[in-house]
Amino acid sequence: MNTRPIPSTREALPVVGCGTWLGFDVAPGSAEYQRLPGVIDALFAAGGSVLDSSPMYGRSEAVTGDLLAASHQRARAFLATKVWTSGRDAGIAQMEQSFQRLRTERIDLMQVHNLLDWRVHLKTMRRMKEAGRIRHLGVTHYTSSAYAELEAVLRAEPLDFVQLNYSVMDRAAEQRLLPLALERRVAVLANLPLASGSALRAVASRPLPEVAGELACTSWAQLLLKFVVSHPAVTCAIPGTSRPEHMADNAAAGIGPLADDAQRERIARAYAA
C-alpha cells in the first residue's frame, strides 16, 4: 500500500485504514463479531495499519483490543482513539479506560473528539506524550459546521494530526482546512470518505469511468477513496466497515498509482454526472 509521511515524525503511514464506528460496536459471539477478525486480516494483508476508535463508539474500543490480542497482531496496528468528555479528571479517567479496553500500554494517536474541552485535554495529552504513553496527538470533527473552530485550533496549537470529514460528496475541507494542514505540517485523517455510504449508493448502478482504469480501480469504492487519498494533504482515509470483503476492496484504493489533480477532477465530474 502507498504511504504518506506523518509530517511531525516522518513516520510512513499507509493511506487507507479502518474506522470502527458502528461496525465494531457489536456483541462478542454475535454473527457480526465473527466477521471482524477477517476485517483486521484484510486490512493488514493489504499493508494497512490504522484502526480508529473512540469511547463514543460503544463496544468498539474493547472489541478492537480483543481482536488484536486474540490474533497477536497489535504490533501491526496504528491504534488511534479519542477522548470525549469534559474536565481534566474525567478526561484522564477516560483515556486510562481506553488503554485498558485497547489492551495496550501505548496508543499511537490520541485525539480530542469533536473538539470537546480541547484546551484541557491537549494539556493532558502533551504530558502523556512526554511520558511516552501516546505517540501522536490531535483533534477531530466530522462536520463542516465546525470548520471555523477547527481552523482556529489548527492555527493556535502544535498538533500531529487533525481528523475531518472529506469525500467527493463533501469537498468543503479543500477550501481552507486541507491547505492549512499542509502549511502547518499536520497529518490528516479523512473520516466519512464515502459519506457513510451515500456516495457509493449514488453511483452504484453506473459503469466505472475511464479514469478508473488509469488508476487501477475496479470498483466505485476504490475510485472514490482514491480521490480522497490522492489529495496531497490527506495522510490516511478511514472508511468504516464490518465486512472483510469491503475492507479488502477499500484497501485496494491505497495500492497502485495515485491520482493527479486532473484525474481527481475527472473523478469528481464522473461522480456528479
C-alpha atoms as a PDB file:
ATOM      1  CA  MET A   1       0.000   0.000   0.000  1.00  0.00           C
ATOM      2  CA  ASN A   2       1.096   3.552  -0.651  1.00  0.00           C
ATOM      3  CA  THR A   3       2.181   5.500   2.400  1.00  0.00           C
ATOM      4  CA  ARG A   4       2.364   9.148   3.361  1.00  0.00           C
ATOM      5  CA  PRO A   5       4.729  10.564   5.979  1.00  0.00           C
ATOM      6  CA  ILE A   6       3.350  11.943   9.231  1.00  0.00           C
ATOM      7  CA  PRO A   7       4.846  15.445   8.984  1.00  0.00           C
ATOM      8  CA  SER A   8       5.847  15.763  12.641  1.00  0.00           C
ATOM      9  CA  THR A   9       7.740  12.466  12.794  1.00  0.00           C
ATOM     10  CA  ARG A  10       8.268  11.420   9.135  1.00  0.00           C
ATOM     11  CA  GLU A  11       6.848   8.005  10.028  1.00  0.00           C
ATOM     12  CA  ALA A  12       5.288   6.365   6.976  1.00  0.00           C
ATOM     13  CA  LEU A  13       1.565   5.717   7.379  1.00  0.00           C
ATOM     14  CA  PRO A  14      -0.469   3.562   4.944  1.00  0.00           C
ATOM     15  CA  VAL A  15      -3.074   5.675   3.162  1.00  0.00           C
ATOM     16  CA  VAL A  16      -6.160   3.522   3.850  1.00  0.00           C
ATOM     17  CA  GLY A  17      -7.214   2.379   7.316  1.00  0.00           C
ATOM     18  CA  CYS A  18     -10.443   1.372   9.028  1.00  0.00           C
ATOM     19  CA  GLY A  19     -12.891   3.299  11.179  1.00  0.00           C
ATOM     20  CA  THR A  20     -14.670   1.323  13.893  1.00  0.00           C
ATOM     21  CA  TRP A  21     -17.808   3.430  14.421  1.00  0.00           C
ATOM     22  CA  LEU A  22     -20.930   1.208  14.230  1.00  0.00           C
ATOM     23  CA  GLY A  23     -19.175  -1.746  12.592  1.00  0.00           C
ATOM     24  CA  PHE A  24     -17.158  -2.745  15.678  1.00  0.00           C
ATOM     25  CA  ASP A  25     -19.867  -1.890  18.202  1.00  0.00           C
ATOM     26  CA  VAL A  26     -21.149  -5.451  18.337  1.00  0.00           C
ATOM     27  CA  ALA A  27     -21.585  -8.114  20.986  1.00  0.00           C
ATOM     28  CA  PRO A  28     -18.872 -10.774  21.344  1.00  0.00           C
ATOM     29  CA  GLY A  29     -20.104 -14.067  19.953  1.00  0.00           C
ATOM     30  CA  SER A  30     -22.585 -12.465  17.577  1.00  0.00           C
ATOM     31  CA  ALA A  31     -22.569 -13.155  13.844  1.00  0.00           C
ATOM     32  CA  GLU A  32     -21.382  -9.590  13.299  1.00  0.00           C
ATOM     33  CA  TYR A  33     -18.473 -10.129  15.690  1.00  0.00           C
ATOM     34  CA  GLN A  34     -17.423 -13.303  13.898  1.00  0.00           C
ATOM     35  CA  ARG A  35     -16.784 -11.295  10.709  1.00  0.00           C
ATOM     36  CA  LEU A  36     -14.452  -8.796  12.332  1.00  0.00           C
ATOM     37  CA  PRO A  37     -11.253 -10.896  12.513  1.00  0.00           C
ATOM     38  CA  GLY A  38     -11.492 -11.049   8.732  1.00  0.00           C
ATOM     39  CA  VAL A  39     -11.689  -7.248   8.570  1.00  0.00           C
ATOM     40  CA  ILE A  40      -8.496  -6.910  10.600  1.00  0.00           C
ATOM     41  CA  ASP A  41      -6.781  -9.558   8.479  1.00  0.00           C
ATOM     42  CA  ALA A  42      -7.843  -7.872   5.216  1.00  0.00           C
ATOM     43  CA  LEU A  43      -6.528  -4.507   6.410  1.00  0.00           C
ATOM     44  CA  PHE A  44      -3.152  -5.911   7.389  1.00  0.00           C
ATOM     45  CA  ALA A  45      -2.879  -8.176   4.336  1.00  0.00           C
ATOM     46  CA  ALA A  46      -3.133  -5.105   2.087  1.00  0.00           C
ATOM     47  CA  GLY A  47      -0.446  -3.291   4.060  1.00  0.00           C
ATOM     48  CA  GLY A  48      -2.787  -1.054   6.069  1.00  0.00           C
ATOM     49  CA  SER A  49      -2.415  -0.330   9.765  1.00  0.00           C
ATOM     50  CA  VAL A  50      -4.712   2.446  11.032  1.00  0.00           C
ATOM     51  CA  LEU A  51      -7.617   1.447  13.275  1.00  0.00           C
ATOM     52  CA  ASP A  52      -9.546   4.458  14.558  1.00  0.00           C
ATOM     53  CA  SER A  53     -11.930   4.243  17.515  1.00  0.00           C
ATOM     54  CA  SER A  54     -13.466   6.278  20.335  1.00  0.00           C
ATOM     55  CA  PRO A  55     -15.154   5.755  23.696  1.00  0.00           C
ATOM     56  CA  MET A  56     -18.187   7.284  21.959  1.00  0.00           C
ATOM     57  CA  TYR A  57     -18.421   4.163  19.786  1.00  0.00           C
ATOM     58  CA  GLY A  58     -19.910   1.806  22.349  1.00  0.00           C
ATOM     59  CA  ARG A  59     -18.064  -1.529  22.416  1.00  0.00           C
ATOM     60  CA  SER A  60     -15.711  -0.607  19.572  1.00  0.00           C
ATOM     61  CA  GLU A  61     -12.579   0.073  21.624  1.00  0.00           C
ATOM     62  CA  ALA A  62     -12.911  -3.135  23.619  1.00  0.00           C
ATOM     63  CA  VAL A  63     -13.715  -5.185  20.517  1.00  0.00           C
ATOM     64  CA  THR A  64     -10.683  -3.760  18.714  1.00  0.00           C
ATOM     65  CA  GLY A  65      -8.447  -4.581  21.670  1.00  0.00           C
ATOM     66  CA  ASP A  66      -9.847  -8.100  21.972  1.00  0.00           C
ATOM     67  CA  LEU A  67      -9.422  -8.817  18.257  1.00  0.00           C
ATOM     68  CA  LEU A  68      -5.814  -7.634  18.196  1.00  0.00           C
ATOM     69  CA  ALA A  69      -4.986  -9.585  21.348  1.00  0.00           C
ATOM     70  CA  ALA A  70      -6.585 -12.773  20.030  1.00  0.00           C
ATOM     71  CA  SER A  71      -4.749 -12.528  16.716  1.00  0.00           C
ATOM     72  CA  HIS A  72      -1.436 -11.416  18.260  1.00  0.00           C
ATOM     73  CA  GLN A  73      -1.275  -8.593  15.735  1.00  0.00           C
ATOM     74  CA  ARG A  74      -1.061  -5.498  17.958  1.00  0.00           C
ATOM     75  CA  ALA A  75       2.371  -4.680  16.545  1.00  0.00           C
ATOM     76  CA  ARG A  76       0.886  -4.300  13.058  1.00  0.00           C
ATOM     77  CA  ALA A  77      -1.713  -1.741  14.118  1.00  0.00           C
ATOM     78  CA  PHE A  78      -1.519   2.022  14.331  1.00  0.00           C
ATOM     79  CA  LEU A  79      -4.096   2.484  17.090  1.00  0.00           C
ATOM     80  CA  ALA A  80      -5.985   5.777  17.168  1.00  0.00           C
ATOM     81  CA  THR A  81      -8.681   6.684  19.655  1.00  0.00           C
ATOM     82  CA  LYS A  82     -10.163   9.755  21.301  1.00  0.00           C
ATOM     83  CA  VAL A  83     -11.206  11.459  24.498  1.00  0.00           C
ATOM     84  CA  TRP A  84     -14.836  12.551  24.584  1.00  0.00           C
ATOM     85  CA  THR A  85     -15.752  14.135  27.891  1.00  0.00           C
ATOM     86  CA  SER A  86     -15.356  17.382  29.830  1.00  0.00           C
ATOM     87  CA  GLY A  87     -12.923  18.146  32.630  1.00  0.00           C
ATOM     88  CA  ARG A  88      -9.326  17.181  33.362  1.00  0.00           C
ATOM     89  CA  ASP A  89     -10.028  14.307  35.762  1.00  0.00           C
ATOM     90  CA  ALA A  90     -12.806  12.853  33.611  1.00  0.00           C
ATOM     91  CA  GLY A  91     -10.537  13.061  30.581  1.00  0.00           C
ATOM     92  CA  ILE A  92      -7.698  11.265  32.334  1.00  0.00           C
ATOM     93  CA  ALA A  93     -10.062   8.544  33.559  1.00  0.00           C
ATOM     94  CA  GLN A  94     -11.496   8.045  30.096  1.00  0.00           C
ATOM     95  CA  MET A  95      -8.091   7.852  28.453  1.00  0.00           C
ATOM     96  CA  GLU A  96      -6.921   5.336  31.040  1.00  0.00           C
ATOM     97  CA  GLN A  97     -10.013   3.292  30.246  1.00  0.00           C
ATOM     98  CA  SER A  98      -9.054   3.390  26.559  1.00  0.00           C
ATOM     99  CA  PHE A  99      -5.640   1.893  27.341  1.00  0.00           C
ATOM    100  CA  GLN A 100      -7.388  -0.921  29.188  1.00  0.00           C
ATOM    101  CA  ARG A 101     -10.005  -1.536  26.517  1.00  0.00           C
ATOM    102  CA  LEU A 102      -7.469  -1.497  23.712  1.00  0.00           C
ATOM    103  CA  ARG A 103      -5.161  -3.757  25.742  1.00  0.00           C
ATOM    104  CA  THR A 104      -2.122  -1.644  25.058  1.00  0.00           C
ATOM    105  CA  GLU A 105       0.490   0.236  27.025  1.00  0.00           C
ATOM    106  CA  ARG A 106       0.934   2.845  24.320  1.00  0.00           C
ATOM    107  CA  ILE A 107      -1.579   4.465  21.977  1.00  0.00           C
ATOM    108  CA  ASP A 108      -0.309   5.663  18.619  1.00  0.00           C
ATOM    109  CA  LEU A 109      -2.706   8.593  18.322  1.00  0.00           C
ATOM    110  CA  MET A 110      -4.920  10.196  20.953  1.00  0.00           C
ATOM    111  CA  GLN A 111      -7.407  12.776  19.671  1.00  0.00           C
ATOM    112  CA  VAL A 112      -9.868  15.225  21.203  1.00  0.00           C
ATOM    113  CA  HIS A 113     -13.206  14.012  19.864  1.00  0.00           C
ATOM    114  CA  ASN A 114     -15.262  16.781  18.218  1.00  0.00           C
ATOM    115  CA  LEU A 115     -13.120  19.410  19.994  1.00  0.00           C
ATOM    116  CA  LEU A 116     -14.911  18.771  23.292  1.00  0.00           C
ATOM    117  CA  ASP A 117     -12.973  20.635  26.019  1.00  0.00           C
ATOM    118  CA  TRP A 118      -9.925  20.587  23.770  1.00  0.00           C
ATOM    119  CA  ARG A 119      -7.844  23.096  25.739  1.00  0.00           C
ATOM    120  CA  VAL A 120      -7.948  20.923  28.859  1.00  0.00           C
ATOM    121  CA  HIS A 121      -7.383  17.606  27.096  1.00  0.00           C
ATOM    122  CA  LEU A 122      -4.497  18.784  24.920  1.00  0.00           C
ATOM    123  CA  LYS A 123      -2.582  19.743  28.070  1.00  0.00           C
ATOM    124  CA  THR A 124      -3.086  16.253  29.475  1.00  0.00           C
ATOM    125  CA  MET A 125      -2.191  14.642  26.173  1.00  0.00           C
ATOM    126  CA  ARG A 126       1.049  16.600  25.922  1.00  0.00           C
ATOM    127  CA  ARG A 127       2.092  15.264  29.323  1.00  0.00           C
ATOM    128  CA  MET A 128       1.195  11.739  28.237  1.00  0.00           C
ATOM    129  CA  LYS A 129       3.202  12.185  25.057  1.00  0.00           C
ATOM    130  CA  GLU A 130       6.233  13.382  27.009  1.00  0.00           C
ATOM    131  CA  ALA A 131       5.900  10.269  29.177  1.00  0.00           C
ATOM    132  CA  GLY A 132       5.829   8.045  26.088  1.00  0.00           C
ATOM    133  CA  ARG A 133       2.304   6.755  26.641  1.00  0.00           C
ATOM    134  CA  ILE A 134       0.942   8.274  23.436  1.00  0.00           C
ATOM    135  CA  ARG A 135       2.957   8.807  20.276  1.00  0.00           C
ATOM    136  CA  HIS A 136       0.894  11.477  18.494  1.00  0.00           C
ATOM    137  CA  LEU A 137      -1.924  13.830  19.432  1.00  0.00           C
ATOM    138  CA  GLY A 138      -4.637  15.627  17.532  1.00  0.00           C
ATOM    139  CA  VAL A 139      -8.201  16.889  17.286  1.00  0.00           C
ATOM    140  CA  THR A 140     -11.235  15.757  15.304  1.00  0.00           C
ATOM    141  CA  HIS A 141     -14.579  16.768  13.900  1.00  0.00           C
ATOM    142  CA  TYR A 142     -16.985  15.327  11.366  1.00  0.00           C
ATOM    143  CA  THR A 143     -18.992  18.261  10.024  1.00  0.00           C
ATOM    144  CA  SER A 144     -18.234  21.456   8.122  1.00  0.00           C
ATOM    145  CA  SER A 145     -20.267  23.445  10.657  1.00  0.00           C
ATOM    146  CA  ALA A 146     -17.263  23.098  12.989  1.00  0.00           C
ATOM    147  CA  TYR A 147     -14.638  24.195  10.474  1.00  0.00           C
ATOM    148  CA  ALA A 148     -14.196  27.706  11.860  1.00  0.00           C
ATOM    149  CA  GLU A 149     -13.346  26.359  15.311  1.00  0.00           C
ATOM    150  CA  LEU A 150     -11.232  23.575  13.829  1.00  0.00           C
ATOM    151  CA  GLU A 151      -9.279  26.145  11.825  1.00  0.00           C
ATOM    152  CA  ALA A 152      -8.709  28.264  14.927  1.00  0.00           C
ATOM    153  CA  VAL A 153      -7.320  25.280  16.833  1.00  0.00           C
ATOM    154  CA  LEU A 154      -5.083  24.309  13.913  1.00  0.00           C
ATOM    155  CA  ARG A 155      -3.656  27.816  13.820  1.00  0.00           C
ATOM    156  CA  ALA A 156      -3.193  28.093  17.586  1.00  0.00           C
ATOM    157  CA  GLU A 157      -1.886  24.673  18.618  1.00  0.00           C
ATOM    158  CA  PRO A 158       1.024  22.462  17.525  1.00  0.00           C
ATOM    159  CA  LEU A 159      -0.669  19.204  16.508  1.00  0.00           C
ATOM    160  CA  ASP A 160       0.437  15.951  14.939  1.00  0.00           C
ATOM    161  CA  PHE A 161      -2.967  15.134  13.414  1.00  0.00           C
ATOM    162  CA  VAL A 162      -6.308  16.593  12.516  1.00  0.00           C
ATOM    163  CA  GLN A 163      -9.230  14.323  11.635  1.00  0.00           C
ATOM    164  CA  LEU A 164     -12.038  15.743   9.497  1.00  0.00           C
ATOM    165  CA  ASN A 165     -14.734  14.786   7.027  1.00  0.00           C
ATOM    166  CA  TYR A 166     -13.724  14.750   3.366  1.00  0.00           C
ATOM    167  CA  SER A 167     -15.169  12.982   0.339  1.00  0.00           C
ATOM    168  CA  VAL A 168     -16.053  13.606  -3.290  1.00  0.00           C
ATOM    169  CA  MET A 169     -19.554  14.331  -1.979  1.00  0.00           C
ATOM    170  CA  ASP A 170     -18.334  16.884   0.586  1.00  0.00           C
ATOM    171  CA  ARG A 171     -15.316  18.877  -0.559  1.00  0.00           C
ATOM    172  CA  ALA A 172     -15.615  21.827   1.824  1.00  0.00           C
ATOM    173  CA  ALA A 173     -12.340  20.928   3.565  1.00  0.00           C
ATOM    174  CA  GLU A 174     -10.468  21.760   0.357  1.00  0.00           C
ATOM    175  CA  GLN A 175     -11.184  25.448   0.785  1.00  0.00           C
ATOM    176  CA  ARG A 176      -9.202  26.216   3.943  1.00  0.00           C
ATOM    177  CA  LEU A 177      -8.532  23.242   6.194  1.00  0.00           C
ATOM    178  CA  LEU A 178      -6.581  20.949   3.888  1.00  0.00           C
ATOM    179  CA  PRO A 179      -4.292  23.764   2.685  1.00  0.00           C
ATOM    180  CA  LEU A 180      -3.842  24.848   6.304  1.00  0.00           C
ATOM    181  CA  ALA A 181      -2.900  21.320   7.351  1.00  0.00           C
ATOM    182  CA  LEU A 182      -0.202  21.311   4.667  1.00  0.00           C
ATOM    183  CA  GLU A 183       1.019  24.721   5.797  1.00  0.00           C
ATOM    184  CA  ARG A 184       1.083  23.719   9.457  1.00  0.00           C
ATOM    185  CA  ARG A 185       2.612  20.302   8.710  1.00  0.00           C
ATOM    186  CA  VAL A 186      -0.251  18.405  10.330  1.00  0.00           C
ATOM    187  CA  ALA A 187      -1.254  14.905   9.222  1.00  0.00           C
ATOM    188  CA  VAL A 188      -4.868  14.460   8.095  1.00  0.00           C
ATOM    189  CA  LEU A 189      -7.148  11.508   8.789  1.00  0.00           C
ATOM    190  CA  ALA A 190     -10.144  11.722   6.450  1.00  0.00           C
ATOM    191  CA  ASN A 191     -13.303  10.415   8.067  1.00  0.00           C
ATOM    192  CA  LEU A 192     -16.534   9.701   6.176  1.00  0.00           C
ATOM    193  CA  PRO A 193     -14.550   9.344   2.915  1.00  0.00           C
ATOM    194  CA  LEU A 194     -17.516   7.532   1.340  1.00  0.00           C
ATOM    195  CA  ALA A 195     -20.042   9.819   3.069  1.00  0.00           C
ATOM    196  CA  SER A 196     -21.342   6.948   5.235  1.00  0.00           C
ATOM    197  CA  GLY A 197     -22.086   5.000   2.059  1.00  0.00           C
ATOM    198  CA  SER A 198     -24.169   7.765   0.467  1.00  0.00           C
ATOM    199  CA  ALA A 199     -21.504   8.482  -2.128  1.00  0.00           C
ATOM    200  CA  LEU A 200     -21.465   4.824  -3.186  1.00  0.00           C
ATOM    201  CA  ARG A 201     -25.221   4.494  -3.327  1.00  0.00           C
ATOM    202  CA  ALA A 202     -25.394   7.473  -5.659  1.00  0.00           C
ATOM    203  CA  VAL A 203     -23.288   5.734  -8.315  1.00  0.00           C
ATOM    204  CA  ALA A 204     -23.997   2.057  -7.655  1.00  0.00           C
ATOM    205  CA  SER A 205     -25.781   1.489 -10.971  1.00  0.00           C
ATOM    206  CA  ARG A 206     -23.293   3.396 -13.131  1.00  0.00           C
ATOM    207  CA  PRO A 207     -20.374   1.913 -15.069  1.00  0.00           C
ATOM    208  CA  LEU A 208     -16.919   2.966 -13.976  1.00  0.00           C
ATOM    209  CA  PRO A 209     -15.480   5.915 -15.888  1.00  0.00           C
ATOM    210  CA  GLU A 210     -12.322   5.640 -17.976  1.00  0.00           C
ATOM    211  CA  VAL A 211     -10.208   7.243 -15.268  1.00  0.00           C
ATOM    212  CA  ALA A 212     -10.773   4.186 -13.052  1.00  0.00           C
ATOM    213  CA  GLY A 213      -8.686   2.044 -15.380  1.00  0.00           C
ATOM    214  CA  GLU A 214      -5.879   4.598 -15.377  1.00  0.00           C
ATOM    215  CA  LEU A 215      -5.755   4.358 -11.588  1.00  0.00           C
ATOM    216  CA  ALA A 216      -6.093   0.551 -11.334  1.00  0.00           C
ATOM    217  CA  CYS A 217      -9.513   0.864  -9.650  1.00  0.00           C
ATOM    218  CA  THR A 218     -12.014  -1.933 -10.184  1.00  0.00           C
ATOM    219  CA  SER A 219     -14.900  -0.554  -8.093  1.00  0.00           C
ATOM    220  CA  TRP A 220     -16.540   2.762  -7.299  1.00  0.00           C
ATOM    221  CA  ALA A 221     -15.443   2.413  -3.677  1.00  0.00           C
ATOM    222  CA  GLN A 222     -11.824   2.213  -4.780  1.00  0.00           C
ATOM    223  CA  LEU A 223     -12.198   5.162  -7.148  1.00  0.00           C
ATOM    224  CA  LEU A 224     -13.899   7.419  -4.604  1.00  0.00           C
ATOM    225  CA  LEU A 225     -11.331   6.535  -1.954  1.00  0.00           C
ATOM    226  CA  LYS A 226      -8.539   7.121  -4.465  1.00  0.00           C
ATOM    227  CA  PHE A 227      -9.964  10.633  -4.930  1.00  0.00           C
ATOM    228  CA  VAL A 228      -9.606  11.238  -1.189  1.00  0.00           C
ATOM    229  CA  VAL A 229      -6.168   9.737  -0.557  1.00  0.00           C
ATOM    230  CA  SER A 230      -4.691  11.411  -3.625  1.00  0.00           C
ATOM    231  CA  HIS A 231      -5.172  14.868  -2.150  1.00  0.00           C
ATOM    232  CA  PRO A 232      -1.673  15.923  -1.079  1.00  0.00           C
ATOM    233  CA  ALA A 233      -2.835  16.942   2.406  1.00  0.00           C
ATOM    234  CA  VAL A 234      -4.539  13.624   3.230  1.00  0.00           C
ATOM    235  CA  THR A 235      -2.373  11.164   5.120  1.00  0.00           C
ATOM    236  CA  CYS A 236      -4.923   8.355   5.555  1.00  0.00           C
ATOM    237  CA  ALA A 237      -8.621   7.750   4.854  1.00  0.00           C
ATOM    238  CA  ILE A 238     -10.545   5.695   7.403  1.00  0.00           C
ATOM    239  CA  PRO A 239     -13.722   4.262   5.858  1.00  0.00           C
ATOM    240  CA  GLY A 240     -15.705   2.194   8.322  1.00  0.00           C
ATOM    241  CA  THR A 241     -16.750  -1.364   7.614  1.00  0.00           C
ATOM    242  CA  SER A 242     -17.589  -4.617   9.369  1.00  0.00           C
ATOM    243  CA  ARG A 243     -17.190  -6.849   6.303  1.00  0.00           C
ATOM    244  CA  PRO A 244     -13.889  -8.393   5.212  1.00  0.00           C
ATOM    245  CA  GLU A 245     -14.738  -8.148   1.515  1.00  0.00           C
ATOM    246  CA  HIS A 246     -15.454  -4.427   1.859  1.00  0.00           C
ATOM    247  CA  MET A 247     -12.220  -3.900   3.783  1.00  0.00           C
ATOM    248  CA  ALA A 248     -10.252  -5.655   1.045  1.00  0.00           C
ATOM    249  CA  ASP A 249     -11.982  -3.563  -1.625  1.00  0.00           C
ATOM    250  CA  ASN A 250     -11.387  -0.339   0.290  1.00  0.00           C
ATOM    251  CA  ALA A 251      -7.744  -1.171   0.944  1.00  0.00           C
ATOM    252  CA  ALA A 252      -7.132  -1.723  -2.759  1.00  0.00           C
ATOM    253  CA  ALA A 253      -7.662   2.010  -3.237  1.00  0.00           C
ATOM    254  CA  GLY A 254      -4.348   2.548  -1.492  1.00  0.00           C
ATOM    255  CA  ILE A 255      -2.473   0.365  -3.966  1.00  0.00           C
ATOM    256  CA  GLY A 256      -1.274   1.465  -7.379  1.00  0.00           C
ATOM    257  CA  PRO A 257      -0.991   4.961  -8.832  1.00  0.00           C
ATOM    258  CA  LEU A 258      -2.420   7.961  -7.031  1.00  0.00           C
ATOM    259  CA  ALA A 259      -4.476  10.469  -8.984  1.00  0.00           C
ATOM    260  CA  ASP A 260      -3.034  13.771 -10.139  1.00  0.00           C
ATOM    261  CA  ASP A 261      -5.098  16.961  -9.946  1.00  0.00           C
ATOM    262  CA  ALA A 262      -6.588  16.477 -13.401  1.00  0.00           C
ATOM    263  CA  GLN A 263      -7.587  12.883 -12.659  1.00  0.00           C
ATOM    264  CA  ARG A 264      -9.142  13.906  -9.353  1.00  0.00           C
ATOM    265  CA  GLU A 265     -11.303  16.431 -11.160  1.00  0.00           C
ATOM    266  CA  ARG A 266     -12.295  13.800 -13.713  1.00  0.00           C
ATOM    267  CA  ILE A 267     -13.398  11.546 -10.838  1.00  0.00           C
ATOM    268  CA  ALA A 268     -15.426  14.395  -9.388  1.00  0.00           C
ATOM    269  CA  ARG A 269     -17.079  15.129 -12.723  1.00  0.00           C
ATOM    270  CA  ALA A 270     -17.876  11.459 -13.298  1.00  0.00           C
ATOM    271  CA  TYR A 271     -19.423  11.282  -9.847  1.00  0.00           C
ATOM    272  CA  ALA A 272     -21.520  14.410 -10.407  1.00  0.00           C
ATOM    273  CA  ALA A 273     -22.691  13.419 -13.902  1.00  0.00           C
END
